[in-house]
């Protein structure tokens, strides 16, 4: 029992490492331990994270005291690991985690001192280890991971036999680094955390886990997965860095040849945004996102592939072949074609305020481009005429028809929709105010799609804070303490379908990981945590 608790502590350590570590690029020898059929690989470096976060001095954080309560032996082991002491027996320098096909997985940790590691296992009342020529091991059973080690590595292994353990310790000449150009490309970029995912392998794992004993397996037909696998032979390379004042990340797709051809045939994403729509929004924004696509190409892609990839496979779920025909007819209908032809593909949405009246609701606007006034009129025809009335330079919904008023207007190939009359008047030119083009966030949207959230709670209006306080009650203090260190969050995407992430903190002079852990520590030890 004592030994099982210590395994649990090791898993906690893994969770801490995953959320907060810096990578040292692994050597080819270590990466060669990963089999060619792996579907996910995660690599972290604990030594760097302990330095960045201050965990290398456990006394910095009160919340770590729970380790001593759970197990003095476990606490001593992890404290030695944090400090980089050889007395831990293992090193947090480079930690690998990979999944082949569940329940098979492996966590690989370098051994610093085999004798010290074995001494700790004995002190932790581990079962007596068994020995092979190349490694030692403990088969824990009852669903707990197997522990195995030699002079170089210690491993936690899922669903292992002695034969499988032997395979793990025998580096393969056909391992991922050797046979996969994609994986080799992934290893060229270092980061605090990096992860490689092969979607074909993940689909195999999904299929085996969810459909092995499911009654819908026969109904769905494995052809669906076969079609998905044809297009899913791509991987995703993801990287995460903890920097002073911010956390940044990036995910880069490494597509198969089929997907590259599909992307060339249907160029859905445009290279730039029509920047005129940035000038349509108020300067302040609490949430904003933009989109720039070739609408016609997007619907061509859907029309060509919807039946072969989705509809035919879900025919039984949709109810009948007639319903599939109805959907196909809709995609070919003149009404939909008129809307597709009307849209120019640029969109900007912003939540920029909150109504200050007795009934409080968000004030939001959207601006999108159309192909001339004829395009606007094509869209206008789709709205029932009794739902709106024409005003001086704009349209408004009939108040008896909608709970919240909606205004919309057309100008210079752009359509503006809002529930804020003041913002509508700025768009139509009735009044002058600063626009989103004066906001630094707006300046980031010119050549990429971007999603932005303002996390600086202090900038939110008092009436919204009062509503939040009434809703959260005693938890409000904890909420404000959590939000106190954050400024904003961004997600962006470019035409190669790569994505970037940034979490901005207010303090730009201290490492983001240390700030987050310090804030957690303060919350755990405060009265707000226990209320």
Protein backbone atom coordinates (compact mmCIF):
# COMPACT_ATOMS: atom_id res chain seq x y z
CA UNK A 1 0.00 0.00 0.00
CA UNK A 2 2.81 2.37 0.89
CA UNK A 3 4.45 1.65 -2.47
CA UNK A 4 1.21 2.32 -4.39
CA UNK A 5 0.93 5.73 -2.68
CA UNK A 6 4.42 6.54 -3.91
CA UNK A 7 3.46 5.63 -7.47
CA UNK A 8 0.59 8.11 -7.05
CA UNK A 9 3.09 10.77 -5.96
CA UNK A 10 5.14 10.10 -9.07
CA UNK A 11 2.04 10.66 -11.21
CA UNK A 12 1.43 13.97 -9.39
CA UNK A 13 4.99 14.91 -10.20
CA UNK A 14 4.27 14.10 -13.83
CA UNK A 15 1.24 16.42 -13.77
CA UNK A 16 3.35 19.23 -12.34
CA UNK A 17 5.99 18.62 -14.99
CA UNK A 18 3.48 18.60 -17.85
CA UNK A 19 2.16 21.99 -16.82
CA UNK A 20 5.52 23.60 -16.30
CA UNK A 21 8.72 22.47 -17.90
CA UNK A 22 11.47 23.35 -20.32
CA UNK A 23 12.77 20.93 -22.89
CA UNK A 24 16.30 19.79 -23.55
CA UNK A 25 16.28 18.13 -26.95
CA UNK A 26 16.60 14.40 -26.43
CA UNK A 27 19.42 12.44 -27.93
CA UNK A 28 18.66 10.08 -30.83
CA UNK A 29 19.44 7.15 -28.51
CA UNK A 30 16.64 8.14 -26.14
CA UNK A 31 14.15 8.83 -28.94
CA UNK A 32 14.97 5.47 -30.50
CA UNK A 33 13.17 3.89 -27.54
CA UNK A 34 9.90 5.08 -29.08
CA UNK A 35 8.36 2.42 -31.34
CA UNK A 36 7.37 3.21 -34.91
CA UNK A 37 3.67 2.63 -34.14
CA UNK A 38 3.49 5.36 -31.46
CA UNK A 39 0.53 7.72 -31.92
CA UNK A 40 1.50 10.36 -29.35
CA UNK A 41 4.84 11.49 -27.91
CA UNK A 42 5.32 14.07 -25.14
CA UNK A 43 8.76 15.29 -24.09
CA UNK A 44 9.54 17.51 -21.10
CA UNK A 45 12.56 18.51 -19.05
CA UNK A 46 11.95 18.75 -15.32
CA UNK A 47 15.31 20.28 -14.40
CA UNK A 48 14.52 23.46 -16.33
CA UNK A 49 11.01 23.77 -14.92
CA UNK A 50 12.17 23.43 -11.35
CA UNK A 51 14.59 26.30 -11.90
CA UNK A 52 12.06 28.48 -13.76
CA UNK A 53 9.28 27.94 -11.26
CA UNK A 54 11.23 27.96 -8.02
CA UNK A 55 10.26 24.34 -7.34
CA UNK A 56 13.97 23.57 -6.96
CA UNK A 57 13.46 25.09 -3.48
CA UNK A 58 10.28 23.34 -2.24
CA UNK A 59 10.12 25.68 0.77
CA UNK A 60 8.98 28.40 -1.65
CA UNK A 61 5.52 26.82 -1.86
CA UNK A 62 3.30 25.93 1.08
CA UNK A 63 1.01 23.71 -0.99
CA UNK A 64 3.84 21.19 -1.43
CA UNK A 65 3.65 20.40 2.27
CA UNK A 66 0.87 17.89 1.48
CA UNK A 67 3.57 15.56 0.16
CA UNK A 68 4.97 15.17 3.67
CA UNK A 69 1.51 14.39 5.02
CA UNK A 70 0.97 11.66 2.43
CA UNK A 71 4.36 10.01 2.77
CA UNK A 72 7.66 11.17 4.32
CA UNK A 73 9.55 8.83 2.00
CA UNK A 74 7.74 10.17 -1.04
CA UNK A 75 8.34 13.73 0.08
CA UNK A 76 12.08 13.12 0.49
CA UNK A 77 12.28 11.46 -2.92
CA UNK A 78 10.47 14.25 -4.77
CA UNK A 79 12.33 16.99 -2.89
CA UNK A 80 15.61 15.40 -3.97
CA UNK A 81 14.29 15.23 -7.52
CA UNK A 82 13.31 18.93 -7.44
CA UNK A 83 16.78 19.85 -6.21
CA UNK A 84 18.49 17.71 -8.84
CA UNK A 85 20.07 15.54 -6.15
CA UNK A 86 21.47 12.13 -7.10
CA UNK A 87 19.88 10.76 -3.96
CA UNK A 88 16.58 10.57 -5.89
CA UNK A 89 18.16 7.94 -8.11
CA UNK A 90 16.44 9.33 -11.23
CA UNK A 91 16.80 12.59 -13.14
CA UNK A 92 14.10 14.92 -14.41
CA UNK A 93 16.38 16.09 -17.20
CA UNK A 94 14.47 14.53 -20.09
CA UNK A 95 11.14 12.79 -19.53
CA UNK A 96 9.36 10.98 -22.36
CA UNK A 97 5.76 9.82 -22.46
CA UNK A 98 4.32 7.96 -25.41
CA UNK A 99 1.22 5.96 -26.33
CA UNK A 100 1.19 3.22 -28.93
CA UNK A 101 -2.33 1.82 -28.62
CA UNK A 102 -4.03 1.94 -25.25
CA UNK A 103 -3.67 0.39 -22.75
CA UNK A 104 -0.01 0.29 -23.84
CA UNK A 105 1.96 3.38 -22.85
CA UNK A 106 5.33 4.25 -21.35
CA UNK A 107 6.84 7.01 -19.20
CA UNK A 108 10.63 7.06 -19.50
CA UNK A 109 12.83 8.82 -16.93
CA UNK A 110 16.67 8.84 -16.99
CA UNK A 111 18.36 7.00 -14.13
CA UNK A 112 21.02 9.06 -12.34
CA UNK A 113 22.09 6.42 -9.81
CA UNK A 114 20.69 2.92 -10.09
CA UNK A 115 21.77 1.89 -6.60
CA UNK A 116 20.09 4.96 -5.06
CA UNK A 117 16.89 4.29 -7.02
CA UNK A 118 16.76 0.66 -5.89
CA UNK A 119 17.45 1.74 -2.32
CA UNK A 120 14.48 4.12 -2.46
CA UNK A 121 12.21 1.39 -3.85
CA UNK A 122 13.17 -0.90 -0.97
CA UNK A 123 12.55 1.88 1.59
CA UNK A 124 9.15 2.47 -0.02
CA UNK A 125 8.26 -1.19 0.64
CA UNK A 126 8.06 -2.05 -3.04
CA UNK A 127 7.60 -5.71 -3.95
CA UNK A 128 10.84 -7.60 -4.38
CA UNK A 129 12.15 -6.88 -7.88
CA UNK A 130 12.79 -9.57 -10.47
CA UNK A 131 15.89 -9.49 -12.64
CA UNK A 132 16.68 -10.18 -16.25
CA UNK A 133 20.09 -9.83 -17.85
CA UNK A 134 19.31 -6.36 -19.27
CA UNK A 135 16.86 -4.91 -16.72
CA UNK A 136 15.06 -5.28 -13.39
CA UNK A 137 11.30 -4.98 -12.97
CA UNK A 138 8.30 -5.07 -10.63
CA UNK A 139 4.96 -6.38 -11.93
CA UNK A 140 2.51 -4.54 -9.67
CA UNK A 141 -0.73 -5.95 -11.12
CA UNK A 142 -4.29 -4.78 -10.33
CA UNK A 143 -4.13 -2.28 -13.20
CA UNK A 144 -1.17 -0.40 -11.71
CA UNK A 145 1.72 0.40 -14.05
CA UNK A 146 4.72 -1.89 -14.18
CA UNK A 147 8.03 -0.40 -13.06
CA UNK A 148 11.20 -1.44 -14.89
CA UNK A 149 14.73 -0.04 -14.97
CA UNK A 150 18.33 -0.54 -15.98
CA UNK A 151 21.46 1.63 -15.63
CA UNK A 152 20.10 4.25 -18.05
CA UNK A 153 16.31 4.47 -17.73
CA UNK A 154 13.41 3.85 -15.38
CA UNK A 155 10.00 3.24 -16.94
CA UNK A 156 6.37 3.17 -15.89
CA UNK A 157 4.65 0.83 -18.33
CA UNK A 158 1.00 0.05 -18.95
CA UNK A 159 -0.25 -3.46 -19.84
CA UNK A 160 3.22 -5.01 -19.91
CA UNK A 161 4.57 -8.51 -19.87
CA UNK A 162 8.20 -9.48 -19.42
CA UNK A 163 8.48 -9.82 -23.19
CA UNK A 164 7.12 -6.33 -23.75
CA UNK A 165 9.46 -4.88 -21.11
CA UNK A 166 12.37 -6.43 -22.98
CA UNK A 167 11.18 -4.70 -26.16
CA UNK A 168 11.10 -1.32 -24.40
CA UNK A 169 14.72 -1.64 -23.33
CA UNK A 170 15.93 -2.75 -26.74
CA UNK A 171 16.30 0.36 -28.96
CA UNK A 172 14.88 -0.35 -32.37
CA UNK A 173 16.57 0.46 -35.64
CA UNK A 174 13.11 1.13 -37.09
CA UNK A 175 12.02 3.50 -34.30
CA UNK A 176 10.17 6.73 -35.02
CA UNK A 177 13.26 8.91 -35.40
CA UNK A 178 14.73 6.53 -37.96
CA UNK A 179 11.72 5.83 -40.19
CA UNK A 180 9.66 9.03 -40.02
CA UNK A 181 10.67 12.23 -41.80
CA UNK A 182 7.73 13.85 -40.04
CA UNK A 183 8.99 12.90 -36.57
CA UNK A 184 12.54 13.91 -37.48
CA UNK A 185 11.19 17.35 -38.47
CA UNK A 186 9.39 17.56 -35.13
CA UNK A 187 12.62 16.99 -33.16
CA UNK A 188 14.36 19.95 -34.81
CA UNK A 189 12.41 22.51 -32.75
CA UNK A 190 13.01 22.79 -29.03
CA UNK A 191 10.49 24.16 -26.53
CA UNK A 192 9.57 23.96 -22.88
CA UNK A 193 7.03 21.27 -23.74
CA UNK A 194 6.64 19.64 -27.10
CA UNK A 195 4.14 17.05 -28.27
CA UNK A 196 3.79 15.02 -31.45
CA UNK A 197 0.45 13.47 -32.42
CA UNK A 198 -0.17 11.16 -35.37
CA UNK A 199 -3.87 11.34 -36.17
CA UNK A 200 -4.09 8.01 -37.97
CA UNK A 201 -2.87 6.27 -34.85
CA UNK A 202 -5.22 8.29 -32.65
CA UNK A 203 -8.18 7.23 -34.82
CA UNK A 204 -7.16 3.60 -34.37
CA UNK A 205 -7.05 4.12 -30.62
CA UNK A 206 -10.42 5.93 -30.63
CA UNK A 207 -12.02 3.17 -32.67
CA UNK A 208 -10.75 0.42 -30.39
CA UNK A 209 -11.73 2.19 -27.16
CA UNK A 210 -15.17 3.55 -28.04
CA UNK A 211 -16.47 1.01 -30.51
CA UNK A 212 -15.06 -2.25 -29.23
CA UNK A 213 -18.23 -3.13 -27.29
CA UNK A 214 -20.62 -0.54 -28.69
CA UNK A 215 -23.93 -1.49 -30.33
CA UNK A 216 -23.52 1.35 -32.85
CA UNK A 217 -20.31 -0.16 -34.24
CA UNK A 218 -22.16 -2.33 -36.75
CA UNK A 219 -24.46 0.53 -37.73
CA UNK A 220 -21.75 3.06 -38.41
CA UNK A 221 -19.73 0.65 -40.54
CA UNK A 222 -15.97 0.74 -40.46
CA UNK A 223 -15.95 2.36 -43.92
CA UNK A 224 -16.34 5.68 -42.14
CA UNK A 225 -13.04 5.12 -40.36
CA UNK A 226 -11.45 3.88 -43.58
CA UNK A 227 -12.40 7.16 -45.30
CA UNK A 228 -11.18 9.18 -42.34
CA UNK A 229 -7.87 7.33 -42.31
CA UNK A 230 -7.32 8.17 -45.98
CA UNK A 231 -7.21 11.85 -45.00
CA UNK A 232 -5.93 11.53 -41.44
CA UNK A 233 -2.36 10.50 -42.15
CA UNK A 234 -1.14 13.80 -40.82
CA UNK A 235 0.55 14.77 -37.61
CA UNK A 236 0.53 17.81 -35.37
CA UNK A 237 3.72 19.28 -33.91
CA UNK A 238 2.97 21.32 -30.78
CA UNK A 239 5.34 23.47 -28.71
CA UNK A 240 4.80 25.40 -25.47
CA UNK A 241 7.12 27.93 -23.79
CA UNK A 242 7.01 29.65 -20.40
CA UNK A 243 8.54 33.10 -20.73
CA UNK A 244 8.73 36.21 -18.58
CA UNK A 245 5.22 37.64 -18.49
CA UNK A 246 3.65 35.24 -20.96
CA UNK A 247 3.06 31.66 -22.07
CA UNK A 248 3.37 31.05 -25.80
CA UNK A 249 2.57 28.02 -27.90
CA UNK A 250 2.44 26.86 -31.49
CA UNK A 251 0.91 23.89 -33.34
CA UNK A 252 2.07 23.08 -36.86
CA UNK A 253 0.31 20.45 -39.00
CA UNK A 254 2.44 18.08 -41.03
CA UNK A 255 -0.11 16.92 -43.63
CA UNK A 256 -0.15 13.88 -45.84
CA UNK A 257 0.20 14.19 -49.60
CA UNK A 258 -3.59 13.73 -50.02
CA UNK A 259 -4.29 16.70 -47.76
CA UNK A 260 -1.68 18.85 -49.51
CA UNK A 261 -3.41 18.17 -52.82
CA UNK A 262 -6.80 18.94 -51.29
CA UNK A 263 -5.51 22.24 -49.92
CA UNK A 264 -4.10 23.22 -53.33
CA UNK A 265 -7.34 22.26 -55.09
CA UNK A 266 -9.52 24.17 -52.60
CA UNK A 267 -7.66 27.27 -51.31
CA UNK A 268 -10.14 27.99 -48.50
CA UNK A 269 -8.09 30.45 -46.43
CA UNK A 270 -7.25 33.89 -47.83
CA UNK A 271 -3.84 35.48 -47.30
CA UNK A 272 -5.10 38.69 -45.72
CA UNK A 273 -8.10 40.37 -44.13
CA UNK A 274 -9.95 43.33 -45.62
CA UNK A 275 -8.69 45.84 -43.06
CA UNK A 276 -11.61 48.21 -43.62
CA UNK A 277 -13.79 46.07 -41.33
CA UNK A 278 -11.33 46.68 -38.44
CA UNK A 279 -12.37 50.35 -38.58
CA UNK A 280 -16.04 49.39 -38.10
CA UNK A 281 -15.69 48.31 -34.44
CA UNK A 282 -15.40 50.39 -31.26
CA UNK A 283 -11.86 50.72 -29.91
CA UNK A 284 -12.45 48.72 -26.71
CA UNK A 285 -12.98 44.98 -26.95
CA UNK A 286 -13.48 42.26 -24.36
CA UNK A 287 -13.60 39.48 -26.96
CA UNK A 288 -12.91 39.58 -30.69
CA UNK A 289 -12.25 37.23 -33.57
CA UNK A 290 -11.84 37.54 -37.33
CA UNK A 291 -12.08 35.21 -40.29
CA UNK A 292 -11.00 35.52 -43.91
CA UNK A 293 -11.98 32.69 -46.28
CA UNK A 294 -12.81 32.07 -49.92
CA UNK A 295 -16.48 31.27 -49.40
CA UNK A 296 -17.01 29.74 -52.83
CA UNK A 297 -14.01 27.40 -52.43
CA UNK A 298 -15.22 26.39 -48.97
CA UNK A 299 -18.62 25.29 -50.26
CA UNK A 300 -17.04 23.54 -53.25
CA UNK A 301 -15.02 21.49 -50.78
CA UNK A 302 -18.11 20.64 -48.74
CA UNK A 303 -20.17 19.79 -51.81
CA UNK A 304 -17.57 17.46 -53.27
CA UNK A 305 -16.83 15.55 -50.07
CA UNK A 306 -19.93 15.63 -47.90
CA UNK A 307 -21.57 12.54 -49.38
CA UNK A 308 -18.49 10.34 -49.64
CA UNK A 309 -17.02 11.19 -46.25
CA UNK A 310 -20.06 11.80 -44.04
CA UNK A 311 -23.56 11.49 -45.39
CA UNK A 312 -23.39 8.01 -46.87
CA UNK A 313 -21.80 6.66 -43.71
CA UNK A 314 -24.46 8.21 -41.48
CA UNK A 315 -27.38 7.28 -43.71
CA UNK A 316 -28.98 5.11 -41.01
CA UNK A 317 -28.61 7.88 -38.41
CA UNK A 318 -30.14 10.54 -40.67
CA UNK A 319 -33.21 8.38 -41.08
CA UNK A 320 -33.50 7.82 -44.81
CA UNK A 321 -31.87 8.33 -48.16
CA UNK A 322 -34.50 11.00 -48.86
CA UNK A 323 -33.09 13.19 -46.09
CA UNK A 324 -29.63 12.89 -47.62
CA UNK A 325 -31.09 13.94 -50.97
CA UNK A 326 -32.79 16.89 -49.29
CA UNK A 327 -29.49 18.04 -47.85
CA UNK A 328 -27.78 17.67 -51.21
CA UNK A 329 -30.57 19.64 -52.90
CA UNK A 330 -30.16 22.41 -50.33
CA UNK A 331 -26.46 22.69 -51.16
CA UNK A 332 -27.45 23.13 -54.82
CA UNK A 333 -30.40 25.46 -54.20
CA UNK A 334 -30.55 28.92 -55.82
CA UNK A 335 -31.21 30.51 -52.40
CA UNK A 336 -27.97 29.18 -50.93
CA UNK A 337 -26.06 29.96 -54.11
CA UNK A 338 -27.21 33.59 -53.96
CA UNK A 339 -25.89 33.91 -50.40
CA UNK A 340 -22.59 32.22 -51.29
CA UNK A 341 -22.11 34.54 -54.24
CA UNK A 342 -22.95 37.54 -52.05
CA UNK A 343 -20.31 36.88 -49.38
CA UNK A 344 -16.75 38.17 -49.89
CA UNK A 345 -15.41 36.13 -46.96
CA UNK A 346 -14.08 38.68 -44.41
CA UNK A 347 -15.63 38.74 -40.92
CA UNK A 348 -14.87 40.54 -37.66
CA UNK A 349 -16.87 40.05 -34.45
CA UNK A 350 -16.32 42.02 -31.26
CA UNK A 351 -17.90 42.09 -27.81
CA UNK A 352 -17.16 45.68 -26.81
CA UNK A 353 -19.43 46.64 -23.93
CA UNK A 354 -22.29 45.83 -21.58
CA UNK A 355 -25.69 47.47 -21.41
CA UNK A 356 -25.89 49.69 -18.32
CA UNK A 357 -29.69 49.50 -17.88
CA UNK A 358 -31.73 47.39 -15.50
CA UNK A 359 -31.56 44.51 -17.99
CA UNK A 360 -27.83 43.96 -18.57
CA UNK A 361 -26.59 42.15 -21.67
CA UNK A 362 -23.39 42.17 -23.76
CA UNK A 363 -23.01 44.74 -26.52
CA UNK A 364 -21.57 43.03 -29.58
CA UNK A 365 -21.10 43.83 -33.26
CA UNK A 366 -20.14 42.00 -36.44
CA UNK A 367 -18.88 43.39 -39.72
CA UNK A 368 -18.51 41.29 -42.86
CA UNK A 369 -17.70 41.97 -46.50
CA UNK A 370 -20.09 41.38 -49.40
CA UNK A 371 -19.80 41.63 -53.17
CA UNK A 372 -21.43 45.03 -53.63
CA UNK A 373 -24.87 46.34 -52.76
CA UNK A 374 -26.46 43.56 -54.81
CA UNK A 375 -24.84 41.10 -52.42
CA UNK A 376 -26.32 42.96 -49.45
CA UNK A 377 -29.77 42.95 -51.05
CA UNK A 378 -29.53 39.18 -51.67
CA UNK A 379 -28.97 38.65 -47.95
CA UNK A 380 -31.66 41.18 -47.01
CA UNK A 381 -34.22 39.19 -49.01
CA UNK A 382 -33.76 36.27 -46.63
CA UNK A 383 -35.02 38.32 -43.65
CA UNK A 384 -38.84 38.52 -43.27
CA UNK A 385 -39.91 42.10 -44.04
CA UNK A 386 -42.10 42.37 -40.96
CA UNK A 387 -39.06 41.77 -38.74
CA UNK A 388 -37.29 45.08 -39.47
CA UNK A 389 -37.89 48.68 -40.48
CA UNK A 390 -35.68 51.15 -42.34
CA UNK A 391 -34.31 54.07 -40.31
CA UNK A 392 -32.06 57.02 -41.18
CA UNK A 393 -29.07 55.25 -42.74
CA UNK A 394 -29.62 51.86 -41.09
CA UNK A 395 -32.21 49.18 -40.34
CA UNK A 396 -33.57 48.14 -36.94
CA UNK A 397 -35.56 45.15 -35.82
CA UNK A 398 -39.14 45.64 -34.68
CA UNK A 399 -39.00 45.73 -30.86
CA UNK A 400 -42.06 43.53 -30.45
CA UNK A 401 -40.30 40.78 -32.42
CA UNK A 402 -36.98 40.63 -30.55
CA UNK A 403 -36.08 40.90 -26.87
CA UNK A 404 -32.87 42.81 -27.61
CA UNK A 405 -32.78 45.43 -30.40
CA UNK A 406 -30.64 44.66 -33.45
CA UNK A 407 -29.37 47.22 -35.94
CA UNK A 408 -27.73 46.63 -39.32
CA UNK A 409 -26.43 48.79 -42.14
CA UNK A 410 -24.52 48.62 -45.42
CA UNK A 411 -21.58 50.77 -46.54
CA UNK A 412 -18.82 50.30 -49.12
CA UNK A 413 -19.14 46.52 -49.55
CA UNK A 414 -19.46 45.95 -45.81
CA UNK A 415 -22.45 44.91 -43.70
CA UNK A 416 -22.51 45.92 -40.03
CA UNK A 417 -24.76 44.16 -37.48
CA UNK A 418 -24.97 45.22 -33.83
CA UNK A 419 -27.18 45.52 -30.76
CA UNK A 420 -25.42 48.81 -29.93
CA UNK A 421 -27.01 51.88 -31.54
CA UNK A 422 -23.99 54.02 -30.67
CA UNK A 423 -21.66 51.66 -32.55
CA UNK A 424 -24.09 51.63 -35.48
CA UNK A 425 -24.05 55.44 -35.64
CA UNK A 426 -20.25 55.38 -35.74
CA UNK A 427 -20.36 52.93 -38.66
CA UNK A 428 -22.83 55.06 -40.62
CA UNK A 429 -20.80 58.21 -39.94
CA UNK A 430 -23.32 59.99 -37.71
CA UNK A 431 -20.74 60.32 -34.93
CA UNK A 432 -16.98 60.05 -34.60
CA UNK A 433 -15.11 57.86 -32.12
CA UNK A 434 -11.87 55.87 -32.01
CA UNK A 435 -12.18 52.46 -33.67
CA UNK A 436 -10.71 48.99 -33.29
CA UNK A 437 -7.98 50.06 -35.72
CA UNK A 438 -6.59 52.10 -32.80
CA UNK A 439 -6.49 49.01 -30.56
CA UNK A 440 -3.22 46.96 -30.60
CA UNK A 441 -5.33 43.80 -30.99
CA UNK A 442 -6.86 45.13 -34.20
CA UNK A 443 -3.39 45.71 -35.62
CA UNK A 444 -2.61 41.99 -35.19
CA UNK A 445 -5.49 40.87 -37.43
CA UNK A 446 -4.27 42.07 -40.82
CA UNK A 447 -2.59 38.88 -42.07
CA UNK A 448 -3.99 36.11 -39.87
CA UNK A 449 -7.12 34.86 -38.17
CA UNK A 450 -7.10 35.73 -34.49
CA UNK A 451 -9.26 35.06 -31.42
CA UNK A 452 -8.75 37.44 -28.47
CA UNK A 453 -10.09 37.49 -24.90
CA UNK A 454 -9.53 40.34 -22.44
CA UNK A 455 -8.69 38.67 -19.10
CA UNK A 456 -8.00 41.90 -17.20
CA UNK A 457 -11.04 41.75 -14.95
CA UNK A 458 -10.35 45.22 -13.54
CA UNK A 459 -11.25 46.75 -16.92
CA UNK A 460 -14.75 45.27 -16.88
CA UNK A 461 -17.70 47.57 -15.95
CA UNK A 462 -18.99 47.77 -12.38
CA UNK A 463 -22.46 46.45 -13.20
CA UNK A 464 -20.97 43.24 -14.62
CA UNK A 465 -18.74 42.84 -11.55
CA UNK A 466 -21.81 43.23 -9.34
CA UNK A 467 -23.65 40.52 -11.29
CA UNK A 468 -20.64 38.20 -11.02
CA UNK A 469 -20.38 38.83 -7.28
CA UNK A 470 -24.07 38.06 -6.73
CA UNK A 471 -23.81 34.89 -8.82
CA UNK A 472 -20.61 33.52 -7.25
CA UNK A 473 -21.25 34.50 -3.65
CA UNK A 474 -18.39 33.44 -1.37
CA UNK A 475 -16.38 32.13 -4.34
CA UNK A 476 -16.09 35.63 -5.81
CA UNK A 477 -12.93 36.44 -3.82
CA UNK A 478 -11.22 33.32 -5.14
CA UNK A 479 -12.25 34.17 -8.70
CA UNK A 480 -10.84 37.71 -8.53
CA UNK A 481 -7.62 36.41 -6.95
CA UNK A 482 -7.17 33.92 -9.78
CA UNK A 483 -7.83 36.55 -12.47
CA UNK A 484 -5.66 39.19 -10.83
CA UNK A 485 -2.43 38.17 -12.59
CA UNK A 486 -3.79 37.79 -16.16
CA UNK A 487 -4.08 40.35 -18.94
CA UNK A 488 -5.26 38.68 -22.16
CA UNK A 489 -5.25 35.55 -24.29
CA UNK A 490 -4.76 35.10 -28.04
CA UNK A 491 -5.21 32.28 -30.54
CA UNK A 492 -4.20 32.86 -34.16
CA UNK A 493 -4.03 30.84 -37.36
CA UNK A 494 -2.34 31.34 -40.72
CA UNK A 495 -2.93 30.01 -44.23
CA UNK A 496 -0.74 26.96 -43.63
CA UNK A 497 -3.20 26.00 -40.84
CA UNK A 498 -0.57 26.45 -38.13
CA UNK A 499 -1.89 27.94 -34.88
CA UNK A 500 -0.26 30.14 -32.24
CA UNK A 501 -1.29 30.74 -28.65
CA UNK A 502 -0.33 33.44 -26.16
CA UNK A 503 -1.43 33.94 -22.55
CA UNK A 504 -0.33 37.39 -21.38
CA UNK A 505 0.26 38.19 -17.70
CA UNK A 506 0.34 41.69 -16.21
CA UNK A 507 3.79 41.35 -14.65
CA UNK A 508 6.27 41.23 -17.54
CA UNK A 509 9.40 40.82 -15.39
CA UNK A 510 8.80 37.42 -13.73
CA UNK A 511 8.53 34.01 -15.39
CA UNK A 512 4.91 33.16 -16.13
CA UNK A 513 5.16 29.72 -14.54
CA UNK A 514 6.52 31.12 -11.28
CA UNK A 515 3.72 33.71 -11.20
CA UNK A 516 1.03 31.06 -11.71
CA UNK A 517 2.41 28.72 -9.05
CA UNK A 518 2.88 31.60 -6.62
CA UNK A 519 -0.73 32.63 -7.18
CA UNK A 520 -1.93 29.05 -6.60
CA UNK A 521 0.13 28.86 -3.44
CA UNK A 522 -1.39 32.10 -2.17
CA UNK A 523 -4.91 30.82 -2.90
CA UNK A 524 -4.34 27.48 -1.18
CA UNK A 525 -3.08 29.16 1.97
CA UNK A 526 -5.68 31.94 2.02
CA UNK A 527 -9.05 32.01 3.78
CA UNK A 528 -10.72 32.60 0.40
CA UNK A 529 -9.80 29.04 -0.57
CA UNK A 530 -11.65 27.51 2.34
CA UNK A 531 -14.80 29.66 2.16
